[in-house]
Amino acid sequence: MDSKKPPHFIWATEIKALCPHSGELLTWGGPQIEALTKAEAQQWCDENMGYLKVIGRLTMTIPSKQDEDGNHYPDWDNAVDLDEGRWN
């Protein structure tokens, strides 16, 4: 990593739009945005994808597994803590 460039965080976004089938206003998860601050992430969204709203910082990703009945559950062994080592 370039020591002169500060580390970026990953920001979660959401999209609110009308469902084409029901006409109901729904909320969907949007793309993840890399930026140093929430304000910087929202500014990028406003300039590039004006319909996105930054809702918070992504701190962990947790994949899922399926049991024998097809039910999904968290795979904690393969979770990725995005803050690990950042504050030490």
PDB file of N, CA and C in Angstrom:
ATOM      1  N   MET A   1       0.851  -1.182   0.000  1.00  0.00           N
ATOM      2  CA  MET A   1       0.000   0.000   0.000  1.00  0.00           C
ATOM      3  C   MET A   1       0.891   1.237   0.000  1.00  0.00           C
ATOM      4  N   ASP A   2       0.513   2.239  -0.758  1.00  0.00           N
ATOM      5  CA  ASP A   2       1.229   3.496  -0.819  1.00  0.00           C
ATOM      6  C   ASP A   2       1.048   4.230   0.508  1.00  0.00           C
ATOM      7  N   SER A   3       2.153   4.452   1.236  1.00  0.00           N
ATOM      8  CA  SER A   3       2.056   5.070   2.563  1.00  0.00           C
ATOM      9  C   SER A   3       1.622   6.527   2.497  1.00  0.00           C
ATOM     10  N   LYS A   4       1.741   7.181   1.336  1.00  0.00           N
ATOM     11  CA  LYS A   4       1.337   8.577   1.209  1.00  0.00           C
ATOM     12  C   LYS A   4      -0.155   8.727   0.965  1.00  0.00           C
ATOM     13  N   LYS A   5      -0.802   7.665   0.532  1.00  0.00           N
ATOM     14  CA  LYS A   5      -2.236   7.715   0.237  1.00  0.00           C
ATOM     15  C   LYS A   5      -3.005   7.109   1.415  1.00  0.00           C
ATOM     16  N   PRO A   6      -3.942   7.846   2.013  1.00  0.00           N
ATOM     17  CA  PRO A   6      -4.681   7.298   3.156  1.00  0.00           C
ATOM     18  C   PRO A   6      -5.559   6.117   2.740  1.00  0.00           C
ATOM     19  N   PRO A   7      -5.767   5.168   3.646  1.00  0.00           N
ATOM     20  CA  PRO A   7      -6.624   4.027   3.302  1.00  0.00           C
ATOM     21  C   PRO A   7      -8.077   4.472   3.134  1.00  0.00           C
ATOM     22  N   HIS A   8      -8.739   3.884   2.163  1.00  0.00           N
ATOM     23  CA  HIS A   8     -10.142   4.191   1.942  1.00  0.00           C
ATOM     24  C   HIS A   8     -11.011   3.184   2.675  1.00  0.00           C
ATOM     25  N   PHE A   9     -12.198   3.593   2.984  1.00  0.00           N
ATOM     26  CA  PHE A   9     -13.193   2.717   3.588  1.00  0.00           C
ATOM     27  C   PHE A   9     -14.171   2.292   2.502  1.00  0.00           C
ATOM     28  N   ILE A  10     -14.947   1.265   2.787  1.00  0.00           N
ATOM     29  CA  ILE A  10     -15.986   0.819   1.865  1.00  0.00           C
ATOM     30  C   ILE A  10     -17.322   1.245   2.451  1.00  0.00           C
ATOM     31  N   TRP A  11     -18.123   1.921   1.649  1.00  0.00           N
ATOM     32  CA  TRP A  11     -19.404   2.473   2.088  1.00  0.00           C
ATOM     33  C   TRP A  11     -20.542   1.750   1.402  1.00  0.00           C
ATOM     34  N   ALA A  12     -21.568   1.386   2.163  1.00  0.00           N
ATOM     35  CA  ALA A  12     -22.764   0.729   1.637  1.00  0.00           C
ATOM     36  C   ALA A  12     -23.746   1.796   1.171  1.00  0.00           C
ATOM     37  N   THR A  13     -24.475   1.484   0.103  1.00  0.00           N
ATOM     38  CA  THR A  13     -25.466   2.411  -0.428  1.00  0.00           C
ATOM     39  C   THR A  13     -26.810   1.714  -0.581  1.00  0.00           C
ATOM     40  N   GLU A  14     -27.849   2.517  -0.757  1.00  0.00           N
ATOM     41  CA  GLU A  14     -29.181   1.980  -1.027  1.00  0.00           C
ATOM     42  C   GLU A  14     -29.832   2.769  -2.154  1.00  0.00           C
ATOM     43  N   ILE A  15     -30.794   2.100  -2.784  1.00  0.00           N
ATOM     44  CA  ILE A  15     -31.573   2.692  -3.867  1.00  0.00           C
ATOM     45  C   ILE A  15     -33.041   2.552  -3.503  1.00  0.00           C
ATOM     46  N   LYS A  16     -33.801   3.635  -3.587  1.00  0.00           N
ATOM     47  CA  LYS A  16     -35.258   3.575  -3.418  1.00  0.00           C
ATOM     48  C   LYS A  16     -35.876   3.804  -4.786  1.00  0.00           C
ATOM     49  N   ALA A  17     -36.743   2.880  -5.175  1.00  0.00           N
ATOM     50  CA  ALA A  17     -37.364   2.979  -6.493  1.00  0.00           C
ATOM     51  C   ALA A  17     -38.710   2.276  -6.485  1.00  0.00           C
ATOM     52  N   LEU A  18     -39.532   2.631  -7.442  1.00  0.00           N
ATOM     53  CA  LEU A  18     -40.836   1.980  -7.582  1.00  0.00           C
ATOM     54  C   LEU A  18     -40.667   0.595  -8.188  1.00  0.00           C
ATOM     55  N   CYS A  19     -41.340  -0.373  -7.599  1.00  0.00           N
ATOM     56  CA  CYS A  19     -41.346  -1.730  -8.128  1.00  0.00           C
ATOM     57  C   CYS A  19     -42.127  -1.718  -9.445  1.00  0.00           C
ATOM     58  N   PRO A  20     -41.548  -2.261 -10.513  1.00  0.00           N
ATOM     59  CA  PRO A  20     -42.255  -2.240 -11.795  1.00  0.00           C
ATOM     60  C   PRO A  20     -43.496  -3.129 -11.818  1.00  0.00           C
ATOM     61  N   HIS A  21     -43.604  -4.050 -10.875  1.00  0.00           N
ATOM     62  CA  HIS A  21     -44.750  -4.963 -10.844  1.00  0.00           C
ATOM     63  C   HIS A  21     -45.892  -4.454  -9.966  1.00  0.00           C
ATOM     64  N   SER A  22     -45.540  -3.941  -8.779  1.00  0.00           N
ATOM     65  CA  SER A  22     -46.580  -3.532  -7.839  1.00  0.00           C
ATOM     66  C   SER A  22     -46.772  -2.018  -7.754  1.00  0.00           C
ATOM     67  N   GLY A  23     -45.762  -1.267  -8.205  1.00  0.00           N
ATOM     68  CA  GLY A  23     -45.830   0.184  -8.081  1.00  0.00           C
ATOM     69  C   GLY A  23     -45.460   0.672  -6.682  1.00  0.00           C
ATOM     70  N   GLU A  24     -45.141  -0.255  -5.801  1.00  0.00           N
ATOM     71  CA  GLU A  24     -44.773   0.070  -4.417  1.00  0.00           C
ATOM     72  C   GLU A  24     -43.344   0.618  -4.373  1.00  0.00           C
ATOM     73  N   LEU A  25     -43.100   1.599  -3.481  1.00  0.00           N
ATOM     74  CA  LEU A  25     -41.760   2.132  -3.288  1.00  0.00           C
ATOM     75  C   LEU A  25     -40.967   1.141  -2.449  1.00  0.00           C
ATOM     76  N   LEU A  26     -39.882   0.619  -3.004  1.00  0.00           N
ATOM     77  CA  LEU A  26     -39.059  -0.375  -2.319  1.00  0.00           C
ATOM     78  C   LEU A  26     -37.635   0.136  -2.165  1.00  0.00           C
ATOM     79  N   THR A  27     -36.889  -0.505  -1.260  1.00  0.00           N
ATOM     80  CA  THR A  27     -35.487  -0.165  -1.034  1.00  0.00           C
ATOM     81  C   THR A  27     -34.633  -1.379  -1.356  1.00  0.00           C
ATOM     82  N   TRP A  28     -33.615  -1.150  -2.169  1.00  0.00           N
ATOM     83  CA  TRP A  28     -32.668  -2.207  -2.523  1.00  0.00           C
ATOM     84  C   TRP A  28     -31.270  -1.780  -2.117  1.00  0.00           C
ATOM     85  N   GLY A  29     -30.395  -2.763  -1.890  1.00  0.00           N
ATOM     86  CA  GLY A  29     -28.992  -2.476  -1.648  1.00  0.00           C
ATOM     87  C   GLY A  29     -28.343  -2.005  -2.930  1.00  0.00           C
ATOM     88  N   GLY A  30     -27.495  -1.009  -2.825  1.00  0.00           N
ATOM     89  CA  GLY A  30     -26.788  -0.484  -3.993  1.00  0.00           C
ATOM     90  C   GLY A  30     -25.345  -0.942  -4.008  1.00  0.00           C
ATOM     91  N   PRO A  31     -24.555  -0.386  -4.913  1.00  0.00           N
ATOM     92  CA  PRO A  31     -23.147  -0.767  -4.999  1.00  0.00           C
ATOM     93  C   PRO A  31     -22.349  -0.236  -3.810  1.00  0.00           C
ATOM     94  N   GLN A  32     -21.205  -0.843  -3.594  1.00  0.00           N
ATOM     95  CA  GLN A  32     -20.298  -0.385  -2.551  1.00  0.00           C
ATOM     96  C   GLN A  32     -19.376   0.669  -3.136  1.00  0.00           C
ATOM     97  N   ILE A  33     -19.120   1.724  -2.358  1.00  0.00           N
ATOM     98  CA  ILE A  33     -18.313   2.853  -2.809  1.00  0.00           C
ATOM     99  C   ILE A  33     -17.069   2.949  -1.927  1.00  0.00           C
ATOM    100  N   GLU A  34     -15.897   3.105  -2.540  1.00  0.00           N
ATOM    101  CA  GLU A  34     -14.663   3.311  -1.779  1.00  0.00           C
ATOM    102  C   GLU A  34     -14.406   4.806  -1.646  1.00  0.00           C
ATOM    103  N   ALA A  35     -14.231   5.264  -0.417  1.00  0.00           N
ATOM    104  CA  ALA A  35     -13.948   6.672  -0.161  1.00  0.00           C
ATOM    105  C   ALA A  35     -13.400   6.821   1.255  1.00  0.00           C
ATOM    106  N   LEU A  36     -12.752   7.924   1.510  1.00  0.00           N
ATOM    107  CA  LEU A  36     -12.167   8.169   2.832  1.00  0.00           C
ATOM    108  C   LEU A  36     -13.238   8.510   3.872  1.00  0.00           C
ATOM    109  N   THR A  37     -14.256   9.295   3.470  1.00  0.00           N
ATOM    110  CA  THR A  37     -15.302   9.705   4.404  1.00  0.00           C
ATOM    111  C   THR A  37     -16.676   9.423   3.810  1.00  0.00           C
ATOM    112  N   LYS A  38     -17.677   9.426   4.677  1.00  0.00           N
ATOM    113  CA  LYS A  38     -19.053   9.238   4.220  1.00  0.00           C
ATOM    114  C   LYS A  38     -19.461  10.388   3.297  1.00  0.00           C
ATOM    115  N   ALA A  39     -19.050  11.601   3.641  1.00  0.00           N
ATOM    116  CA  ALA A  39     -19.382  12.769   2.814  1.00  0.00           C
ATOM    117  C   ALA A  39     -18.747  12.649   1.429  1.00  0.00           C
ATOM    118  N   GLU A  40     -17.511  12.169   1.357  1.00  0.00           N
ATOM    119  CA  GLU A  40     -16.842  11.976   0.076  1.00  0.00           C
ATOM    120  C   GLU A  40     -17.552  10.899  -0.753  1.00  0.00           C
ATOM    121  N   ALA A  41     -17.991   9.829  -0.085  1.00  0.00           N
ATOM    122  CA  ALA A  41     -18.725   8.767  -0.779  1.00  0.00           C
ATOM    123  C   ALA A  41     -20.053   9.303  -1.320  1.00  0.00           C
ATOM    124  N   GLN A  42     -20.763  10.101  -0.514  1.00  0.00           N
ATOM    125  CA  GLN A  42     -22.036  10.657  -0.968  1.00  0.00           C
ATOM    126  C   GLN A  42     -21.819  11.646  -2.111  1.00  0.00           C
ATOM    127  N   GLN A  43     -20.743  12.403  -2.050  1.00  0.00           N
ATOM    128  CA  GLN A  43     -20.443  13.343  -3.134  1.00  0.00           C
ATOM    129  C   GLN A  43     -20.213  12.578  -4.436  1.00  0.00           C
ATOM    130  N   TRP A  44     -19.470  11.454  -4.366  1.00  0.00           N
ATOM    131  CA  TRP A  44     -19.255  10.639  -5.566  1.00  0.00           C
ATOM    132  C   TRP A  44     -20.593  10.136  -6.107  1.00  0.00           C
ATOM    133  N   CYS A  45     -21.455   9.663  -5.201  1.00  0.00           N
ATOM    134  CA  CYS A  45     -22.773   9.177  -5.613  1.00  0.00           C
ATOM    135  C   CYS A  45     -23.567  10.290  -6.288  1.00  0.00           C
ATOM    136  N   ASP A  46     -23.580  11.471  -5.686  1.00  0.00           N
ATOM    137  CA  ASP A  46     -24.335  12.595  -6.231  1.00  0.00           C
ATOM    138  C   ASP A  46     -23.856  12.975  -7.632  1.00  0.00           C
ATOM    139  N   GLU A  47     -22.548  12.879  -7.860  1.00  0.00           N
ATOM    140  CA  GLU A  47     -21.974  13.275  -9.143  1.00  0.00           C
ATOM    141  C   GLU A  47     -22.080  12.178 -10.202  1.00  0.00           C
ATOM    142  N   ASN A  48     -22.157  10.913  -9.788  1.00  0.00           N
ATOM    143  CA  ASN A  48     -22.102   9.806 -10.738  1.00  0.00           C
ATOM    144  C   ASN A  48     -23.363   8.948 -10.805  1.00  0.00           C
ATOM    145  N   MET A  49     -24.063   8.821  -9.710  1.00  0.00           N
ATOM    146  CA  MET A  49     -25.277   8.005  -9.634  1.00  0.00           C
ATOM    147  C   MET A  49     -26.203   8.684  -8.648  1.00  0.00           C
ATOM    148  N   GLY A  50     -26.850   9.738  -9.063  1.00  0.00           N
ATOM    149  CA  GLY A  50     -27.609  10.616  -8.188  1.00  0.00           C
ATOM    150  C   GLY A  50     -28.717   9.969  -7.383  1.00  0.00           C
ATOM    151  N   TYR A  51     -29.100   8.758  -7.726  1.00  0.00           N
ATOM    152  CA  TYR A  51     -30.178   8.063  -7.025  1.00  0.00           C
ATOM    153  C   TYR A  51     -29.689   7.240  -5.842  1.00  0.00           C
ATOM    154  N   LEU A  52     -28.380   7.211  -5.571  1.00  0.00           N
ATOM    155  CA  LEU A  52     -27.842   6.420  -4.456  1.00  0.00           C
ATOM    156  C   LEU A  52     -27.758   7.245  -3.185  1.00  0.00           C
ATOM    157  N   LYS A  53     -27.959   6.580  -2.054  1.00  0.00           N
ATOM    158  CA  LYS A  53     -27.784   7.202  -0.739  1.00  0.00           C
ATOM    159  C   LYS A  53     -26.793   6.345   0.042  1.00  0.00           C
ATOM    160  N   VAL A  54     -25.765   6.970   0.593  1.00  0.00           N
ATOM    161  CA  VAL A  54     -24.799   6.260   1.429  1.00  0.00           C
ATOM    162  C   VAL A  54     -25.452   6.032   2.791  1.00  0.00           C
ATOM    163  N   ILE A  55     -25.456   4.781   3.242  1.00  0.00           N
ATOM    164  CA  ILE A  55     -26.147   4.466   4.499  1.00  0.00           C
ATOM    165  C   ILE A  55     -25.202   4.065   5.623  1.00  0.00           C
ATOM    166  N   GLY A  56     -23.933   3.817   5.330  1.00  0.00           N
ATOM    167  CA  GLY A  56     -23.006   3.479   6.398  1.00  0.00           C
ATOM    168  C   GLY A  56     -21.758   2.805   5.865  1.00  0.00           C
ATOM    169  N   ARG A  57     -20.817   2.589   6.787  1.00  0.00           N
ATOM    170  CA  ARG A  57     -19.537   1.987   6.423  1.00  0.00           C
ATOM    171  C   ARG A  57     -19.611   0.478   6.586  1.00  0.00           C
ATOM    172  N   LEU A  58     -19.107  -0.235   5.601  1.00  0.00           N
ATOM    173  CA  LEU A  58     -19.053  -1.690   5.648  1.00  0.00           C
ATOM    174  C   LEU A  58     -17.863  -2.090   6.509  1.00  0.00           C
ATOM    175  N   THR A  59     -18.101  -2.837   7.574  1.00  0.00           N
ATOM    176  CA  THR A  59     -17.024  -3.215   8.487  1.00  0.00           C
ATOM    177  C   THR A  59     -16.707  -4.705   8.453  1.00  0.00           C
ATOM    178  N   MET A  60     -17.599  -5.512   7.873  1.00  0.00           N
ATOM    179  CA  MET A  60     -17.363  -6.952   7.822  1.00  0.00           C
ATOM    180  C   MET A  60     -18.178  -7.564   6.697  1.00  0.00           C
ATOM    181  N   THR A  61     -17.614  -8.567   6.057  1.00  0.00           N
ATOM    182  CA  THR A  61     -18.374  -9.353   5.090  1.00  0.00           C
ATOM    183  C   THR A  61     -18.479 -10.772   5.636  1.00  0.00           C
ATOM    184  N   ILE A  62     -19.669 -11.339   5.558  1.00  0.00           N
ATOM    185  CA  ILE A  62     -19.933 -12.670   6.106  1.00  0.00           C
ATOM    186  C   ILE A  62     -20.594 -13.514   5.019  1.00  0.00           C
ATOM    187  N   PRO A  63     -19.859 -14.470   4.456  1.00  0.00           N
ATOM    188  CA  PRO A  63     -20.489 -15.344   3.461  1.00  0.00           C
ATOM    189  C   PRO A  63     -21.481 -16.284   4.139  1.00  0.00           C
ATOM    190  N   SER A  64     -22.236 -16.999   3.332  1.00  0.00           N
ATOM    191  CA  SER A  64     -23.188 -17.946   3.908  1.00  0.00           C
ATOM    192  C   SER A  64     -22.919 -19.353   3.397  1.00  0.00           C
ATOM    193  N   LYS A  65     -23.397 -20.319   4.156  1.00  0.00           N
ATOM    194  CA  LYS A  65     -23.330 -21.735   3.792  1.00  0.00           C
ATOM    195  C   LYS A  65     -24.760 -22.247   3.729  1.00  0.00           C
ATOM    196  N   GLN A  66     -24.931 -23.423   3.148  1.00  0.00           N
ATOM    197  CA  GLN A  66     -26.236 -24.070   3.113  1.00  0.00           C
ATOM    198  C   GLN A  66     -26.168 -25.351   3.910  1.00  0.00           C
ATOM    199  N   ASP A  67     -27.219 -25.593   4.712  1.00  0.00           N
ATOM    200  CA  ASP A  67     -27.288 -26.871   5.420  1.00  0.00           C
ATOM    201  C   ASP A  67     -27.932 -27.917   4.510  1.00  0.00           C
ATOM    202  N   GLU A  68     -28.097 -29.131   5.030  1.00  0.00           N
ATOM    203  CA  GLU A  68     -28.631 -30.229   4.221  1.00  0.00           C
ATOM    204  C   GLU A  68     -30.071 -29.998   3.762  1.00  0.00           C
ATOM    205  N   ASP A  69     -30.790 -29.083   4.434  1.00  0.00           N
ATOM    206  CA  ASP A  69     -32.168 -28.768   4.042  1.00  0.00           C
ATOM    207  C   ASP A  69     -32.239 -27.581   3.074  1.00  0.00           C
ATOM    208  N   GLY A  70     -31.083 -27.029   2.716  1.00  0.00           N
ATOM    209  CA  GLY A  70     -31.059 -25.903   1.791  1.00  0.00           C
ATOM    210  C   GLY A  70     -31.188 -24.548   2.455  1.00  0.00           C
ATOM    211  N   ASN A  71     -31.177 -24.514   3.788  1.00  0.00           N
ATOM    212  CA  ASN A  71     -31.268 -23.250   4.529  1.00  0.00           C
ATOM    213  C   ASN A  71     -29.891 -22.591   4.603  1.00  0.00           C
ATOM    214  N   HIS A  72     -29.862 -21.284   4.440  1.00  0.00           N
ATOM    215  CA  HIS A  72     -28.601 -20.541   4.511  1.00  0.00           C
ATOM    216  C   HIS A  72     -28.333 -20.113   5.951  1.00  0.00           C
ATOM    217  N   TYR A  73     -27.053 -20.132   6.313  1.00  0.00           N
ATOM    218  CA  TYR A  73     -26.644 -19.660   7.641  1.00  0.00           C
ATOM    219  C   TYR A  73     -25.255 -19.032   7.516  1.00  0.00           C
ATOM    220  N   PRO A  74     -24.858 -18.156   8.467  1.00  0.00           N
ATOM    221  CA  PRO A  74     -23.580 -17.449   8.367  1.00  0.00           C
ATOM    222  C   PRO A  74     -22.393 -18.401   8.442  1.00  0.00           C
ATOM    223  N   ASP A  75     -21.406 -18.148   7.607  1.00  0.00           N
ATOM    224  CA  ASP A  75     -20.148 -18.895   7.612  1.00  0.00           C
ATOM    225  C   ASP A  75     -19.107 -18.048   8.336  1.00  0.00           C
ATOM    226  N   TRP A  76     -19.153 -18.075   9.657  1.00  0.00           N
ATOM    227  CA  TRP A  76     -18.288 -17.219  10.464  1.00  0.00           C
ATOM    228  C   TRP A  76     -16.811 -17.532  10.273  1.00  0.00           C
ATOM    229  N   ASP A  77     -16.474 -18.772   9.921  1.00  0.00           N
ATOM    230  CA  ASP A  77     -15.067 -19.145   9.734  1.00  0.00           C
ATOM    231  C   ASP A  77     -14.434 -18.393   8.560  1.00  0.00           C
ATOM    232  N   ASN A  78     -15.236 -17.968   7.609  1.00  0.00           N
ATOM    233  CA  ASN A  78     -14.721 -17.265   6.442  1.00  0.00           C
ATOM    234  C   ASN A  78     -15.127 -15.795   6.397  1.00  0.00           C
ATOM    235  N   ALA A  79     -15.584 -15.270   7.530  1.00  0.00           N
ATOM    236  CA  ALA A  79     -15.932 -13.852   7.603  1.00  0.00           C
ATOM    237  C   ALA A  79     -14.657 -13.012   7.461  1.00  0.00           C
ATOM    238  N   VAL A  80     -14.801 -11.840   6.881  1.00  0.00           N
ATOM    239  CA  VAL A  80     -13.666 -10.930   6.701  1.00  0.00           C
ATOM    240  C   VAL A  80     -13.952  -9.645   7.472  1.00  0.00           C
ATOM    241  N   ASP A  81     -13.116  -9.393   8.490  1.00  0.00           N
ATOM    242  CA  ASP A  81     -13.227  -8.171   9.287  1.00  0.00           C
ATOM    243  C   ASP A  81     -12.432  -7.088   8.578  1.00  0.00           C
ATOM    244  N   LEU A  82     -13.112  -6.114   7.980  1.00  0.00           N
ATOM    245  CA  LEU A  82     -12.448  -5.076   7.211  1.00  0.00           C
ATOM    246  C   LEU A  82     -11.710  -4.075   8.091  1.00  0.00           C
ATOM    247  N   ASP A  83     -11.942  -4.081   9.391  1.00  0.00           N
ATOM    248  CA  ASP A  83     -11.248  -3.192  10.318  1.00  0.00           C
ATOM    249  C   ASP A  83     -10.063  -3.872  10.994  1.00  0.00           C
ATOM    250  N   GLU A  84      -9.869  -5.158  10.760  1.00  0.00           N
ATOM    251  CA  GLU A  84      -8.819  -5.908  11.446  1.00  0.00           C
ATOM    252  C   GLU A  84      -7.462  -5.265  11.204  1.00  0.00           C
ATOM    253  N   GLY A  85      -6.793  -4.939  12.292  1.00  0.00           N
ATOM    254  CA  GLY A  85      -5.473  -4.343  12.213  1.00  0.00           C
ATOM    255  C   GLY A  85      -5.450  -2.860  11.907  1.00  0.00           C
ATOM    256  N   ARG A  86      -6.605  -2.286  11.567  1.00  0.00           N
ATOM    257  CA  ARG A  86      -6.618  -0.876  11.182  1.00  0.00           C
ATOM    258  C   ARG A  86      -6.275   0.033  12.362  1.00  0.00           C
ATOM    259  N   TRP A  87      -6.695  -0.332  13.555  1.00  0.00           N
ATOM    260  CA  TRP A  87      -6.538   0.561  14.708  1.00  0.00           C
ATOM    261  C   TRP A  87      -5.422   0.130  15.644  1.00  0.00           C
ATOM    262  N   ASN A  88      -4.676  -0.889  15.265  1.00  0.00           N
ATOM    263  CA  ASN A  88      -3.570  -1.374  16.136  1.00  0.00           C
ATOM    264  C   ASN A  88      -2.252  -0.771  15.742  1.00  0.00           C
TER     265      ASN A  88
END
